[in-house]
């Protein structure tokens, strides 16, 4: 990396730590299948696409975007039905991956680095199985990938970690129970599953509450869980070895090395990392460390091509 690039990255990192980087790039929209999908774009160079998790939006990348955009063109997509993106008809990862592919086509992007957190990692993994030829690298953060996750996780002893996989799948009931109590429900996840508590402030929590307020918004988020079994079936059918570099990251107080273990069977080039003193919300709890790992992955993939 050039000295000038390193200098700017250090400035970005310092700024990110000092301010929390609560601002996001301006919203942009692209029409896919007659529905608007919202995305945020910043920087120039090789493309990195960021896919957020539940119950969040692209706002989850607010601390990462300023760092990575110093050397790359960053595109953070609000998953269909979340944030400022309109709902879609199907929420299984194969259908959502197809929407992401259509977005890249409309934006003229032919190759990129794909990064997904939580539900975004579900989509990213399926995307790699379907469209590997488009990807330079794949980064999966803190996720139980449908069809690949070890089923032994789903036992009563792990109820505090996986109960939402069941509850969120139930038709109609969750949104009926939670509407009007979104803060209580969502606060449980952010408080229980984070380790670096100051990383997600009251202001940040309010952003997420508003994004999932009301039965319709809640339903859209739950639909990703309601499609979990279908996503699992697709991944099992699509399962193959992908040959691009894969980075799997977990927090030591969350999934840890479990992310890497779940994808060992589909990759020949895997780096598995567990970040110390970190919970589930890695893009917010450890943005500098995460950005560094992504940059190292990309740099390594470029060296291998030379």
C-alpha atoms as a PDB file:
ATOM      1  CA  UNK A   1       0.000   0.000   0.000  1.00  0.00           C
ATOM      2  CA  UNK A   2       1.274   3.467  -0.878  1.00  0.00           C
ATOM      3  CA  UNK A   3       2.360   5.838   1.913  1.00  0.00           C
ATOM      4  CA  UNK A   4      -0.237   8.399   0.879  1.00  0.00           C
ATOM      5  CA  UNK A   5      -3.015   5.799   1.074  1.00  0.00           C
ATOM      6  CA  UNK A   6      -1.831   4.676   4.487  1.00  0.00           C
ATOM      7  CA  UNK A   7      -1.798   8.289   5.704  1.00  0.00           C
ATOM      8  CA  UNK A   8      -5.395   8.846   4.641  1.00  0.00           C
ATOM      9  CA  UNK A   9      -6.517   5.577   6.214  1.00  0.00           C
ATOM     10  CA  UNK A  10      -4.951   6.593   9.532  1.00  0.00           C
ATOM     11  CA  UNK A  11      -6.794   9.910   9.369  1.00  0.00           C
ATOM     12  CA  UNK A  12     -10.045   8.077   8.656  1.00  0.00           C
ATOM     13  CA  UNK A  13      -9.483   5.673  11.533  1.00  0.00           C
ATOM     14  CA  UNK A  14      -8.736   8.508  13.949  1.00  0.00           C
ATOM     15  CA  UNK A  15     -11.819  10.390  12.810  1.00  0.00           C
ATOM     16  CA  UNK A  16     -13.970   7.286  13.104  1.00  0.00           C
ATOM     17  CA  UNK A  17     -12.882   6.629  16.671  1.00  0.00           C
ATOM     18  CA  UNK A  18     -13.303  10.262  17.678  1.00  0.00           C
ATOM     19  CA  UNK A  19     -16.750  10.862  16.223  1.00  0.00           C
ATOM     20  CA  UNK A  20     -18.356   7.439  16.005  1.00  0.00           C
ATOM     21  CA  UNK A  21     -19.107   8.257  12.362  1.00  0.00           C
ATOM     22  CA  UNK A  22     -22.864   8.476  12.773  1.00  0.00           C
ATOM     23  CA  UNK A  23     -23.254  10.080   9.354  1.00  0.00           C
ATOM     24  CA  UNK A  24     -23.828   8.075   6.210  1.00  0.00           C
ATOM     25  CA  UNK A  25     -23.361   8.891   2.517  1.00  0.00           C
ATOM     26  CA  UNK A  26     -26.439  10.185   0.717  1.00  0.00           C
ATOM     27  CA  UNK A  27     -29.144   7.680  -0.193  1.00  0.00           C
ATOM     28  CA  UNK A  28     -29.338   6.379  -3.737  1.00  0.00           C
ATOM     29  CA  UNK A  29     -31.957   4.146  -5.307  1.00  0.00           C
ATOM     30  CA  UNK A  30     -32.065   1.554  -8.048  1.00  0.00           C
ATOM     31  CA  UNK A  31     -35.282  -0.017  -9.351  1.00  0.00           C
ATOM     32  CA  UNK A  32     -35.223  -3.824  -9.328  1.00  0.00           C
ATOM     33  CA  UNK A  33     -38.300  -5.775 -10.399  1.00  0.00           C
ATOM     34  CA  UNK A  34     -40.380  -2.621 -10.051  1.00  0.00           C
ATOM     35  CA  UNK A  35     -39.274  -1.991  -6.466  1.00  0.00           C
ATOM     36  CA  UNK A  36     -36.761   0.569  -5.224  1.00  0.00           C
ATOM     37  CA  UNK A  37     -33.680  -0.704  -3.421  1.00  0.00           C
ATOM     38  CA  UNK A  38     -31.725   1.832  -1.375  1.00  0.00           C
ATOM     39  CA  UNK A  39     -27.949   1.912  -1.263  1.00  0.00           C
ATOM     40  CA  UNK A  40     -25.162   4.154  -0.020  1.00  0.00           C
ATOM     41  CA  UNK A  41     -22.023   4.786  -2.036  1.00  0.00           C
ATOM     42  CA  UNK A  42     -18.677   6.332  -1.187  1.00  0.00           C
ATOM     43  CA  UNK A  43     -15.116   6.207  -2.523  1.00  0.00           C
ATOM     44  CA  UNK A  44     -13.418   5.032  -5.685  1.00  0.00           C
ATOM     45  CA  UNK A  45     -11.490   1.968  -6.771  1.00  0.00           C
ATOM     46  CA  UNK A  46     -12.284  -1.722  -6.541  1.00  0.00           C
ATOM     47  CA  UNK A  47     -15.827  -2.292  -5.335  1.00  0.00           C
ATOM     48  CA  UNK A  48     -16.716  -3.638  -1.891  1.00  0.00           C
ATOM     49  CA  UNK A  49     -20.399  -4.431  -1.355  1.00  0.00           C
ATOM     50  CA  UNK A  50     -21.661  -4.475   2.244  1.00  0.00           C
ATOM     51  CA  UNK A  51     -24.795  -6.365   3.336  1.00  0.00           C
ATOM     52  CA  UNK A  52     -26.114  -5.708   6.854  1.00  0.00           C
ATOM     53  CA  UNK A  53     -27.930  -7.996   9.269  1.00  0.00           C
ATOM     54  CA  UNK A  54     -31.117  -8.045  11.342  1.00  0.00           C
ATOM     55  CA  UNK A  55     -32.419  -6.007  13.140  1.00  0.00           C
ATOM     56  CA  UNK A  56     -30.312  -3.389  11.419  1.00  0.00           C
ATOM     57  CA  UNK A  57     -29.856  -1.420   8.202  1.00  0.00           C
ATOM     58  CA  UNK A  58     -26.856  -0.158   6.242  1.00  0.00           C
ATOM     59  CA  UNK A  59     -26.398   2.292   9.113  1.00  0.00           C
ATOM     60  CA  UNK A  60     -24.537  -0.576  10.806  1.00  0.00           C
ATOM     61  CA  UNK A  61     -21.582   0.143   8.480  1.00  0.00           C
ATOM     62  CA  UNK A  62     -21.322   3.833   9.413  1.00  0.00           C
ATOM     63  CA  UNK A  63     -17.912   3.354  11.109  1.00  0.00           C
ATOM     64  CA  UNK A  64     -16.503   1.026   8.454  1.00  0.00           C
ATOM     65  CA  UNK A  65     -17.422   2.999   5.336  1.00  0.00           C
ATOM     66  CA  UNK A  66     -15.131   6.002   6.055  1.00  0.00           C
ATOM     67  CA  UNK A  67     -12.151   3.669   6.498  1.00  0.00           C
ATOM     68  CA  UNK A  68     -12.658   1.345   3.531  1.00  0.00           C
ATOM     69  CA  UNK A  69     -13.764   4.124   1.179  1.00  0.00           C
ATOM     70  CA  UNK A  70     -10.334   5.744   1.367  1.00  0.00           C
ATOM     71  CA  UNK A  71      -9.064   3.065  -1.022  1.00  0.00           C
ATOM     72  CA  UNK A  72     -12.211   1.398  -2.406  1.00  0.00           C
ATOM     73  CA  UNK A  73     -15.627   2.146  -3.824  1.00  0.00           C
ATOM     74  CA  UNK A  74     -18.064   1.117  -1.105  1.00  0.00           C
ATOM     75  CA  UNK A  75     -21.672   0.208  -1.791  1.00  0.00           C
ATOM     76  CA  UNK A  76     -23.813  -0.596   1.269  1.00  0.00           C
ATOM     77  CA  UNK A  77     -27.220  -1.996   0.370  1.00  0.00           C
ATOM     78  CA  UNK A  78     -30.339  -1.866   2.530  1.00  0.00           C
ATOM     79  CA  UNK A  79     -31.642  -5.413   2.157  1.00  0.00           C
ATOM     80  CA  UNK A  80     -35.068  -5.522   0.462  1.00  0.00           C
ATOM     81  CA  UNK A  81     -37.815  -4.767   2.966  1.00  0.00           C
ATOM     82  CA  UNK A  82     -35.429  -3.103   5.438  1.00  0.00           C
ATOM     83  CA  UNK A  83     -34.153   0.435   5.896  1.00  0.00           C
ATOM     84  CA  UNK A  84     -35.231   2.542   2.942  1.00  0.00           C
ATOM     85  CA  UNK A  85     -35.616  -0.381   0.529  1.00  0.00           C
ATOM     86  CA  UNK A  86     -39.090  -1.439  -0.530  1.00  0.00           C
ATOM     87  CA  UNK A  87     -40.405  -4.922   0.330  1.00  0.00           C
ATOM     88  CA  UNK A  88     -39.979  -7.810  -2.069  1.00  0.00           C
ATOM     89  CA  UNK A  89     -42.026 -10.923  -2.821  1.00  0.00           C
ATOM     90  CA  UNK A  90     -39.556 -13.568  -1.624  1.00  0.00           C
ATOM     91  CA  UNK A  91     -37.028 -13.369   1.199  1.00  0.00           C
ATOM     92  CA  UNK A  92     -35.052 -16.580   0.768  1.00  0.00           C
ATOM     93  CA  UNK A  93     -31.352 -15.966   0.199  1.00  0.00           C
ATOM     94  CA  UNK A  94     -31.438 -17.224  -3.394  1.00  0.00           C
ATOM     95  CA  UNK A  95     -34.067 -14.625  -4.314  1.00  0.00           C
ATOM     96  CA  UNK A  96     -32.297 -11.828  -2.425  1.00  0.00           C
ATOM     97  CA  UNK A  97     -28.952 -12.795  -3.998  1.00  0.00           C
ATOM     98  CA  UNK A  98     -30.586 -12.475  -7.420  1.00  0.00           C
ATOM     99  CA  UNK A  99     -31.709  -8.952  -6.495  1.00  0.00           C
ATOM    100  CA  UNK A 100     -28.161  -8.045  -5.439  1.00  0.00           C
ATOM    101  CA  UNK A 101     -26.881  -9.417  -8.757  1.00  0.00           C
ATOM    102  CA  UNK A 102     -29.398  -7.254 -10.623  1.00  0.00           C
ATOM    103  CA  UNK A 103     -28.174  -4.242  -8.652  1.00  0.00           C
ATOM    104  CA  UNK A 104     -24.568  -4.889  -9.666  1.00  0.00           C
ATOM    105  CA  UNK A 105     -25.666  -5.277 -13.281  1.00  0.00           C
ATOM    106  CA  UNK A 106     -27.564  -1.971 -13.260  1.00  0.00           C
ATOM    107  CA  UNK A 107     -24.591  -0.225 -11.658  1.00  0.00           C
ATOM    108  CA  UNK A 108     -22.197  -1.702 -14.233  1.00  0.00           C
ATOM    109  CA  UNK A 109     -20.231  -3.687 -11.641  1.00  0.00           C
ATOM    110  CA  UNK A 110     -18.715  -6.899 -13.017  1.00  0.00           C
ATOM    111  CA  UNK A 111     -16.474  -7.919 -10.107  1.00  0.00           C
ATOM    112  CA  UNK A 112     -16.309  -7.002  -6.442  1.00  0.00           C
ATOM    113  CA  UNK A 113     -15.529  -8.019  -2.862  1.00  0.00           C
ATOM    114  CA  UNK A 114     -18.613  -9.110  -0.913  1.00  0.00           C
ATOM    115  CA  UNK A 115     -19.004  -8.586   2.846  1.00  0.00           C
ATOM    116  CA  UNK A 116     -22.016  -9.721   4.849  1.00  0.00           C
ATOM    117  CA  UNK A 117     -22.931  -9.554   8.527  1.00  0.00           C
ATOM    118  CA  UNK A 118     -25.616 -11.707  10.171  1.00  0.00           C
ATOM    119  CA  UNK A 119     -28.526 -12.091   7.689  1.00  0.00           C
ATOM    120  CA  UNK A 120     -26.377 -10.218   5.172  1.00  0.00           C
ATOM    121  CA  UNK A 121     -23.863 -13.073   5.494  1.00  0.00           C
ATOM    122  CA  UNK A 122     -26.653 -15.562   4.755  1.00  0.00           C
ATOM    123  CA  UNK A 123     -27.230 -13.740   1.481  1.00  0.00           C
ATOM    124  CA  UNK A 124     -23.514 -13.353   0.790  1.00  0.00           C
ATOM    125  CA  UNK A 125     -22.853 -17.094   1.181  1.00  0.00           C
ATOM    126  CA  UNK A 126     -25.638 -18.001  -1.234  1.00  0.00           C
ATOM    127  CA  UNK A 127     -24.393 -15.329  -3.619  1.00  0.00           C
ATOM    128  CA  UNK A 128     -20.953 -16.963  -3.650  1.00  0.00           C
ATOM    129  CA  UNK A 129     -22.488 -20.356  -4.411  1.00  0.00           C
ATOM    130  CA  UNK A 130     -24.527 -18.895  -7.260  1.00  0.00           C
ATOM    131  CA  UNK A 131     -22.273 -16.234  -8.751  1.00  0.00           C
ATOM    132  CA  UNK A 132     -18.723 -16.988  -7.684  1.00  0.00           C
ATOM    133  CA  UNK A 133     -17.394 -15.724 -11.020  1.00  0.00           C
ATOM    134  CA  UNK A 134     -18.291 -12.158  -9.962  1.00  0.00           C
ATOM    135  CA  UNK A 135     -16.503 -12.262  -6.623  1.00  0.00           C
ATOM    136  CA  UNK A 136     -12.890 -11.500  -5.766  1.00  0.00           C
ATOM    137  CA  UNK A 137     -13.257 -12.267  -2.047  1.00  0.00           C
ATOM    138  CA  UNK A 138     -15.997 -13.184   0.415  1.00  0.00           C
ATOM    139  CA  UNK A 139     -16.217 -12.025   4.048  1.00  0.00           C
ATOM    140  CA  UNK A 140     -18.793 -13.580   6.384  1.00  0.00           C
ATOM    141  CA  UNK A 141     -19.319 -11.991   9.798  1.00  0.00           C
ATOM    142  CA  UNK A 142     -21.159 -13.404  12.818  1.00  0.00           C
ATOM    143  CA  UNK A 143     -23.746 -15.634  11.163  1.00  0.00           C
ATOM    144  CA  UNK A 144     -25.266 -19.081  11.189  1.00  0.00           C
ATOM    145  CA  UNK A 145     -25.409 -19.773   7.465  1.00  0.00           C
ATOM    146  CA  UNK A 146     -28.621 -21.596   6.385  1.00  0.00           C
ATOM    147  CA  UNK A 147     -27.930 -25.162   5.316  1.00  0.00           C
ATOM    148  CA  UNK A 148     -24.314 -24.937   6.486  1.00  0.00           C
ATOM    149  CA  UNK A 149     -24.627 -24.170  10.186  1.00  0.00           C
ATOM    150  CA  UNK A 150     -24.034 -27.133  12.479  1.00  0.00           C
ATOM    151  CA  UNK A 151     -27.486 -28.375  13.583  1.00  0.00           C
ATOM    152  CA  UNK A 152     -26.088 -29.217  17.021  1.00  0.00           C
ATOM    153  CA  UNK A 153     -26.385 -25.497  17.801  1.00  0.00           C
ATOM    154  CA  UNK A 154     -30.169 -25.804  17.876  1.00  0.00           C
ATOM    155  CA  UNK A 155     -30.571 -27.347  21.309  1.00  0.00           C
ATOM    156  CA  UNK A 156     -32.337 -26.033  24.442  1.00  0.00           C
ATOM    157  CA  UNK A 157     -29.029 -25.217  26.133  1.00  0.00           C
ATOM    158  CA  UNK A 158     -28.417 -22.557  23.461  1.00  0.00           C
ATOM    159  CA  UNK A 159     -31.866 -21.009  23.753  1.00  0.00           C
ATOM    160  CA  UNK A 160     -30.508 -17.553  24.573  1.00  0.00           C
ATOM    161  CA  UNK A 161     -28.481 -17.624  21.339  1.00  0.00           C
ATOM    162  CA  UNK A 162     -30.926 -19.110  18.850  1.00  0.00           C
ATOM    163  CA  UNK A 163     -34.487 -18.692  20.171  1.00  0.00           C
ATOM    164  CA  UNK A 164     -35.186 -15.910  17.648  1.00  0.00           C
ATOM    165  CA  UNK A 165     -34.658 -18.380  14.795  1.00  0.00           C
ATOM    166  CA  UNK A 166     -37.873 -20.058  15.967  1.00  0.00           C
ATOM    167  CA  UNK A 167     -39.872 -17.109  17.238  1.00  0.00           C
ATOM    168  CA  UNK A 168     -39.217 -14.882  14.219  1.00  0.00           C
ATOM    169  CA  UNK A 169     -40.331 -17.667  11.863  1.00  0.00           C
ATOM    170  CA  UNK A 170     -43.844 -17.907  13.283  1.00  0.00           C
ATOM    171  CA  UNK A 171     -46.416 -16.422  10.913  1.00  0.00           C
ATOM    172  CA  UNK A 172     -48.140 -13.210  12.006  1.00  0.00           C
ATOM    173  CA  UNK A 173     -47.715 -13.633  15.767  1.00  0.00           C
ATOM    174  CA  UNK A 174     -44.351 -11.868  16.368  1.00  0.00           C
ATOM    175  CA  UNK A 175     -45.361  -8.584  14.743  1.00  0.00           C
ATOM    176  CA  UNK A 176     -48.708  -8.653  16.570  1.00  0.00           C
ATOM    177  CA  UNK A 177     -46.969  -9.076  19.922  1.00  0.00           C
ATOM    178  CA  UNK A 178     -44.080  -6.675  19.329  1.00  0.00           C
ATOM    179  CA  UNK A 179     -45.787  -3.727  17.573  1.00  0.00           C
ATOM    180  CA  UNK A 180     -45.672  -0.845  20.044  1.00  0.00           C
ATOM    181  CA  UNK A 181     -42.947  -2.594  22.038  1.00  0.00           C
ATOM    182  CA  UNK A 182     -40.191  -2.481  19.422  1.00  0.00           C
ATOM    183  CA  UNK A 183     -37.735  -0.826  21.817  1.00  0.00           C
ATOM    184  CA  UNK A 184     -38.149  -3.547  24.423  1.00  0.00           C
ATOM    185  CA  UNK A 185     -37.749  -6.330  21.876  1.00  0.00           C
ATOM    186  CA  UNK A 186     -34.830  -4.928  19.888  1.00  0.00           C
ATOM    187  CA  UNK A 187     -33.009  -3.659  22.989  1.00  0.00           C
ATOM    188  CA  UNK A 188     -32.697  -7.234  24.203  1.00  0.00           C
ATOM    189  CA  UNK A 189     -30.586  -8.150  21.158  1.00  0.00           C
ATOM    190  CA  UNK A 190     -28.315  -5.116  21.256  1.00  0.00           C
ATOM    191  CA  UNK A 191     -27.800  -5.287  25.009  1.00  0.00           C
ATOM    192  CA  UNK A 192     -27.414  -9.050  25.267  1.00  0.00           C
ATOM    193  CA  UNK A 193     -25.400  -9.751  22.112  1.00  0.00           C
ATOM    194  CA  UNK A 194     -22.913  -6.860  22.211  1.00  0.00           C
ATOM    195  CA  UNK A 195     -19.758  -6.822  24.350  1.00  0.00           C
ATOM    196  CA  UNK A 196     -18.502  -3.289  23.639  1.00  0.00           C
ATOM    197  CA  UNK A 197     -21.607  -1.585  24.995  1.00  0.00           C
ATOM    198  CA  UNK A 198     -20.718   2.058  24.073  1.00  0.00           C
ATOM    199  CA  UNK A 199     -20.353   1.022  20.411  1.00  0.00           C
ATOM    200  CA  UNK A 200     -24.111   1.313  19.893  1.00  0.00           C
ATOM    201  CA  UNK A 201     -25.395   4.511  21.487  1.00  0.00           C
ATOM    202  CA  UNK A 202     -28.951   5.514  22.356  1.00  0.00           C
ATOM    203  CA  UNK A 203     -28.997   7.535  19.141  1.00  0.00           C
ATOM    204  CA  UNK A 204     -27.954   4.459  17.178  1.00  0.00           C
ATOM    205  CA  UNK A 205     -30.598   2.331  18.882  1.00  0.00           C
ATOM    206  CA  UNK A 206     -33.232   4.890  17.965  1.00  0.00           C
ATOM    207  CA  UNK A 207     -32.188   4.610  14.323  1.00  0.00           C
ATOM    208  CA  UNK A 208     -32.860   0.888  14.417  1.00  0.00           C
ATOM    209  CA  UNK A 209     -36.096   1.236  16.378  1.00  0.00           C
ATOM    210  CA  UNK A 210     -37.469   3.614  13.750  1.00  0.00           C
ATOM    211  CA  UNK A 211     -36.332   1.310  10.952  1.00  0.00           C
ATOM    212  CA  UNK A 212     -38.380  -1.570  12.390  1.00  0.00           C
ATOM    213  CA  UNK A 213     -41.274   0.333  13.903  1.00  0.00           C
ATOM    214  CA  UNK A 214     -44.734  -0.967  13.052  1.00  0.00           C
ATOM    215  CA  UNK A 215     -46.151  -4.293  11.924  1.00  0.00           C
ATOM    216  CA  UNK A 216     -45.171  -3.906   8.275  1.00  0.00           C
ATOM    217  CA  UNK A 217     -41.501  -3.160   8.943  1.00  0.00           C
ATOM    218  CA  UNK A 218     -41.304  -5.866  11.588  1.00  0.00           C
ATOM    219  CA  UNK A 219     -42.865  -8.371   9.195  1.00  0.00           C
ATOM    220  CA  UNK A 220     -40.318  -7.614   6.478  1.00  0.00           C
ATOM    221  CA  UNK A 221     -37.465  -8.387   8.858  1.00  0.00           C
ATOM    222  CA  UNK A 222     -39.121 -11.553  10.169  1.00  0.00           C
ATOM    223  CA  UNK A 223     -39.646 -12.750   6.595  1.00  0.00           C
ATOM    224  CA  UNK A 224     -35.914 -13.473   6.288  1.00  0.00           C
ATOM    225  CA  UNK A 225     -36.278 -15.911   9.190  1.00  0.00           C
ATOM    226  CA  UNK A 226     -39.517 -17.321   7.771  1.00  0.00           C
ATOM    227  CA  UNK A 227     -37.564 -18.147   4.628  1.00  0.00           C
ATOM    228  CA  UNK A 228     -34.674 -19.728   6.589  1.00  0.00           C
ATOM    229  CA  UNK A 229     -35.693 -23.309   5.797  1.00  0.00           C
ATOM    230  CA  UNK A 230     -36.090 -22.518   2.106  1.00  0.00           C
ATOM    231  CA  UNK A 231     -32.700 -20.778   2.132  1.00  0.00           C
ATOM    232  CA  UNK A 232     -31.229 -23.880   3.771  1.00  0.00           C
ATOM    233  CA  UNK A 233     -32.690 -26.111   1.066  1.00  0.00           C
ATOM    234  CA  UNK A 234     -31.242 -23.912  -1.664  1.00  0.00           C
ATOM    235  CA  UNK A 235     -27.776 -23.858  -0.079  1.00  0.00           C
ATOM    236  CA  UNK A 236     -27.769 -27.626   0.281  1.00  0.00           C
ATOM    237  CA  UNK A 237     -28.722 -27.971  -3.391  1.00  0.00           C
ATOM    238  CA  UNK A 238     -26.150 -25.395  -4.475  1.00  0.00           C
ATOM    239  CA  UNK A 239     -23.382 -26.651  -2.204  1.00  0.00           C
ATOM    240  CA  UNK A 240     -20.009 -26.834  -3.929  1.00  0.00           C
ATOM    241  CA  UNK A 241     -16.406 -25.793  -3.412  1.00  0.00           C
ATOM    242  CA  UNK A 242     -15.755 -22.113  -4.093  1.00  0.00           C
ATOM    243  CA  UNK A 243     -12.194 -21.106  -4.840  1.00  0.00           C
ATOM    244  CA  UNK A 244     -12.094 -17.424  -3.910  1.00  0.00           C
ATOM    245  CA  UNK A 245     -10.483 -16.311  -0.618  1.00  0.00           C
ATOM    246  CA  UNK A 246     -12.994 -16.489   2.234  1.00  0.00           C
ATOM    247  CA  UNK A 247     -12.712 -14.634   5.542  1.00  0.00           C
ATOM    248  CA  UNK A 248     -14.944 -15.808   8.397  1.00  0.00           C
ATOM    249  CA  UNK A 249     -15.106 -13.569  11.458  1.00  0.00           C
ATOM    250  CA  UNK A 250     -16.801 -14.028  14.816  1.00  0.00           C
ATOM    251  CA  UNK A 251     -16.681 -12.215  18.130  1.00  0.00           C
ATOM    252  CA  UNK A 252     -15.074 -14.037  21.059  1.00  0.00           C
ATOM    253  CA  UNK A 253     -18.217 -13.328  23.115  1.00  0.00           C
ATOM    254  CA  UNK A 254     -20.497 -14.485  20.319  1.00  0.00           C
ATOM    255  CA  UNK A 255     -20.054 -16.990  17.478  1.00  0.00           C
ATOM    256  CA  UNK A 256     -16.245 -16.894  17.523  1.00  0.00           C
ATOM    257  CA  UNK A 257     -14.661 -19.480  15.236  1.00  0.00           C
ATOM    258  CA  UNK A 258     -18.087 -20.991  14.578  1.00  0.00           C
ATOM    259  CA  UNK A 259     -18.521 -18.930  11.417  1.00  0.00           C
ATOM    260  CA  UNK A 260     -15.415 -20.476   9.907  1.00  0.00           C
ATOM    261  CA  UNK A 261     -16.377 -23.994  10.957  1.00  0.00           C
ATOM    262  CA  UNK A 262     -19.740 -23.667   9.217  1.00  0.00           C
ATOM    263  CA  UNK A 263     -18.165 -22.865   5.830  1.00  0.00           C
ATOM    264  CA  UNK A 264     -15.147 -25.182   5.906  1.00  0.00           C
ATOM    265  CA  UNK A 265     -16.950 -27.583   3.573  1.00  0.00           C
ATOM    266  CA  UNK A 266     -17.398 -25.061   0.756  1.00  0.00           C
ATOM    267  CA  UNK A 267     -14.002 -23.375   0.494  1.00  0.00           C
ATOM    268  CA  UNK A 268     -10.388 -24.239  -0.258  1.00  0.00           C
ATOM    269  CA  UNK A 269      -9.068 -20.861   0.893  1.00  0.00           C
ATOM    270  CA  UNK A 270     -10.411 -19.970   4.339  1.00  0.00           C
ATOM    271  CA  UNK A 271      -9.141 -17.661   7.053  1.00  0.00           C
ATOM    272  CA  UNK A 272     -11.106 -17.957  10.296  1.00  0.00           C
ATOM    273  CA  UNK A 273     -10.829 -15.236  12.956  1.00  0.00           C
ATOM    274  CA  UNK A 274     -12.275 -14.698  16.418  1.00  0.00           C
ATOM    275  CA  UNK A 275     -11.976 -11.089  17.588  1.00  0.00           C
ATOM    276  CA  UNK A 276     -11.120 -10.747  21.264  1.00  0.00           C
ATOM    277  CA  UNK A 277     -13.419  -8.780  23.559  1.00  0.00           C
ATOM    278  CA  UNK A 278     -16.121  -8.477  20.920  1.00  0.00           C
ATOM    279  CA  UNK A 279     -19.747  -9.471  20.656  1.00  0.00           C
ATOM    280  CA  UNK A 280     -22.094  -9.984  17.720  1.00  0.00           C
ATOM    281  CA  UNK A 281     -22.070  -6.452  16.284  1.00  0.00           C
ATOM    282  CA  UNK A 282     -18.533  -6.448  14.922  1.00  0.00           C
ATOM    283  CA  UNK A 283     -18.917  -3.599  12.374  1.00  0.00           C
ATOM    284  CA  UNK A 284     -19.813  -1.302  15.280  1.00  0.00           C
ATOM    285  CA  UNK A 285     -17.842  -2.873  18.129  1.00  0.00           C
ATOM    286  CA  UNK A 286     -14.554  -3.385  16.232  1.00  0.00           C
ATOM    287  CA  UNK A 287     -14.715  -1.298  13.015  1.00  0.00           C
ATOM    288  CA  UNK A 288     -10.965  -0.655  12.769  1.00  0.00           C
ATOM    289  CA  UNK A 289     -10.014  -4.300  13.290  1.00  0.00           C
ATOM    290  CA  UNK A 290     -12.710  -5.442  10.862  1.00  0.00           C
ATOM    291  CA  UNK A 291     -11.597  -2.966   8.199  1.00  0.00           C
ATOM    292  CA  UNK A 292      -7.992  -4.085   8.602  1.00  0.00           C
ATOM    293  CA  UNK A 293      -8.936  -7.740   8.148  1.00  0.00           C
ATOM    294  CA  UNK A 294     -10.925  -6.957   5.010  1.00  0.00           C
ATOM    295  CA  UNK A 295      -8.065  -4.866   3.618  1.00  0.00           C
ATOM    296  CA  UNK A 296      -5.594  -7.662   4.305  1.00  0.00           C
ATOM    297  CA  UNK A 297      -7.856 -10.189   2.601  1.00  0.00           C
ATOM    298  CA  UNK A 298      -8.152  -7.998  -0.476  1.00  0.00           C
ATOM    299  CA  UNK A 299      -4.417  -7.281  -0.578  1.00  0.00           C
ATOM    300  CA  UNK A 300      -3.662 -10.988  -0.340  1.00  0.00           C
ATOM    301  CA  UNK A 301      -6.071 -11.820  -3.161  1.00  0.00           C
ATOM    302  CA  UNK A 302      -4.411  -9.196  -5.363  1.00  0.00           C
ATOM    303  CA  UNK A 303      -0.938 -10.605  -4.672  1.00  0.00           C
ATOM    304  CA  UNK A 304      -2.130 -14.072  -5.622  1.00  0.00           C
ATOM    305  CA  UNK A 305      -3.290 -12.764  -8.999  1.00  0.00           C
ATOM    306  CA  UNK A 306       0.095 -11.226  -9.785  1.00  0.00           C
END
